Protein backbone atom coordinates (compact mmCIF):
# COMPACT_ATOMS: atom_id res chain seq x y z
CA MET A 1 85.65 102.17 90.72
CA LYS A 2 83.48 99.10 90.52
CA ILE A 3 84.57 95.49 90.96
CA ALA A 4 84.32 93.36 87.83
CA PRO A 5 85.81 90.01 86.80
CA ALA A 6 89.11 89.81 84.93
CA GLY A 7 88.63 90.35 81.23
CA THR A 8 86.08 93.13 81.76
CA MET A 9 87.62 96.15 80.07
CA THR A 10 84.94 98.70 80.93
CA GLU A 11 86.39 102.00 82.15
CA GLY A 12 86.14 102.44 85.91
CA THR A 13 86.13 98.70 86.67
CA GLY A 14 88.72 96.19 87.87
CA HIS A 15 89.55 93.64 90.51
CA HIS A 16 91.87 93.24 93.48
CA HIS A 17 95.30 91.68 93.71
CA LEU A 18 96.94 90.86 97.04
CA ILE A 19 100.71 91.25 96.92
CA ILE A 20 102.44 89.47 99.79
CA ASP A 21 105.69 91.06 101.00
CA GLY A 22 105.84 93.40 98.02
CA GLN A 23 105.19 97.00 97.06
CA PRO A 24 102.45 98.77 95.09
CA LEU A 25 103.05 98.52 91.35
CA PRO A 26 103.43 101.48 89.00
CA LYS A 27 100.35 102.43 86.99
CA GLY A 28 100.01 100.20 83.93
CA GLU A 29 102.35 97.44 85.14
CA VAL A 30 100.86 93.95 84.95
CA VAL A 31 100.54 92.25 88.33
CA PRO A 32 102.59 89.04 88.12
CA ALA A 33 100.92 85.67 88.48
CA ASN A 34 102.92 83.90 91.19
CA ASP A 35 102.66 82.65 94.78
CA LYS A 36 103.25 86.20 96.13
CA SER A 37 100.47 87.82 94.06
CA LEU A 38 96.95 86.54 94.57
CA HIS A 39 94.56 87.51 91.77
CA PHE A 40 90.89 87.99 92.59
CA GLY A 41 89.88 87.77 88.95
CA LYS A 42 86.36 86.55 89.68
CA GLY A 43 85.65 89.74 91.62
CA GLN A 44 86.22 88.20 95.06
CA THR A 45 86.51 90.60 97.97
CA GLU A 46 87.87 88.29 100.69
CA THR A 47 90.14 85.30 101.23
CA ARG A 48 92.15 83.44 103.86
CA ILE A 49 95.90 83.11 103.65
CA THR A 50 98.50 81.31 105.74
CA LEU A 51 101.85 82.98 106.31
CA PRO A 52 104.92 81.84 108.21
CA PRO A 53 105.64 83.52 111.55
CA GLY A 54 107.32 86.91 111.35
CA GLU A 55 106.89 90.34 109.83
CA HIS A 56 105.01 90.70 106.53
CA THR A 57 103.43 93.33 104.34
CA LEU A 58 100.15 92.93 102.49
CA THR A 59 99.46 95.23 99.56
CA LEU A 60 95.99 95.37 98.05
CA ASP A 61 96.48 96.59 94.47
CA PHE A 62 93.48 97.36 92.25
CA GLY A 63 93.94 96.53 88.58
CA ASP A 64 91.97 96.57 85.36
CA GLY A 65 90.54 93.61 83.47
CA ALA A 66 93.98 92.85 81.98
CA HIS A 67 95.62 92.78 85.46
CA ARG A 68 97.33 96.15 84.91
CA SER A 69 97.73 98.08 88.14
CA TYR A 70 95.91 101.38 88.53
CA GLY A 71 99.01 102.51 90.43
CA PRO A 72 99.94 103.34 94.02
CA GLU A 73 97.01 105.74 94.38
CA MET A 74 94.67 102.73 94.03
CA SER A 75 96.55 100.49 96.46
CA LYS A 76 97.11 100.20 100.20
CA THR A 77 99.89 98.44 102.10
CA ILE A 78 99.73 97.29 105.71
CA ALA A 79 102.39 95.70 107.93
CA ILE A 80 101.45 92.66 110.01
CA HIS A 81 103.12 90.33 112.50
CA VAL A 82 102.27 86.64 112.36
CA LYS A 83 102.82 84.69 115.60
């Protein structure tokens, strides 16, 4: 897979979405646009986020140019603790 901006519908390309305190999405499901789903539609590969103290999960979900998830096989979830 290659990173490309949102709207690029070339096979084998897409961009990242960071889902905060959520799970990987099924293949083909559109990643919602809300405060718990950060879209990196310009092809960004890094960001800074601020979370309240406590336990959280961060899921990096790779999606196509129309924000449709490539599925759990193209995502990774980690658990973190914020002090």
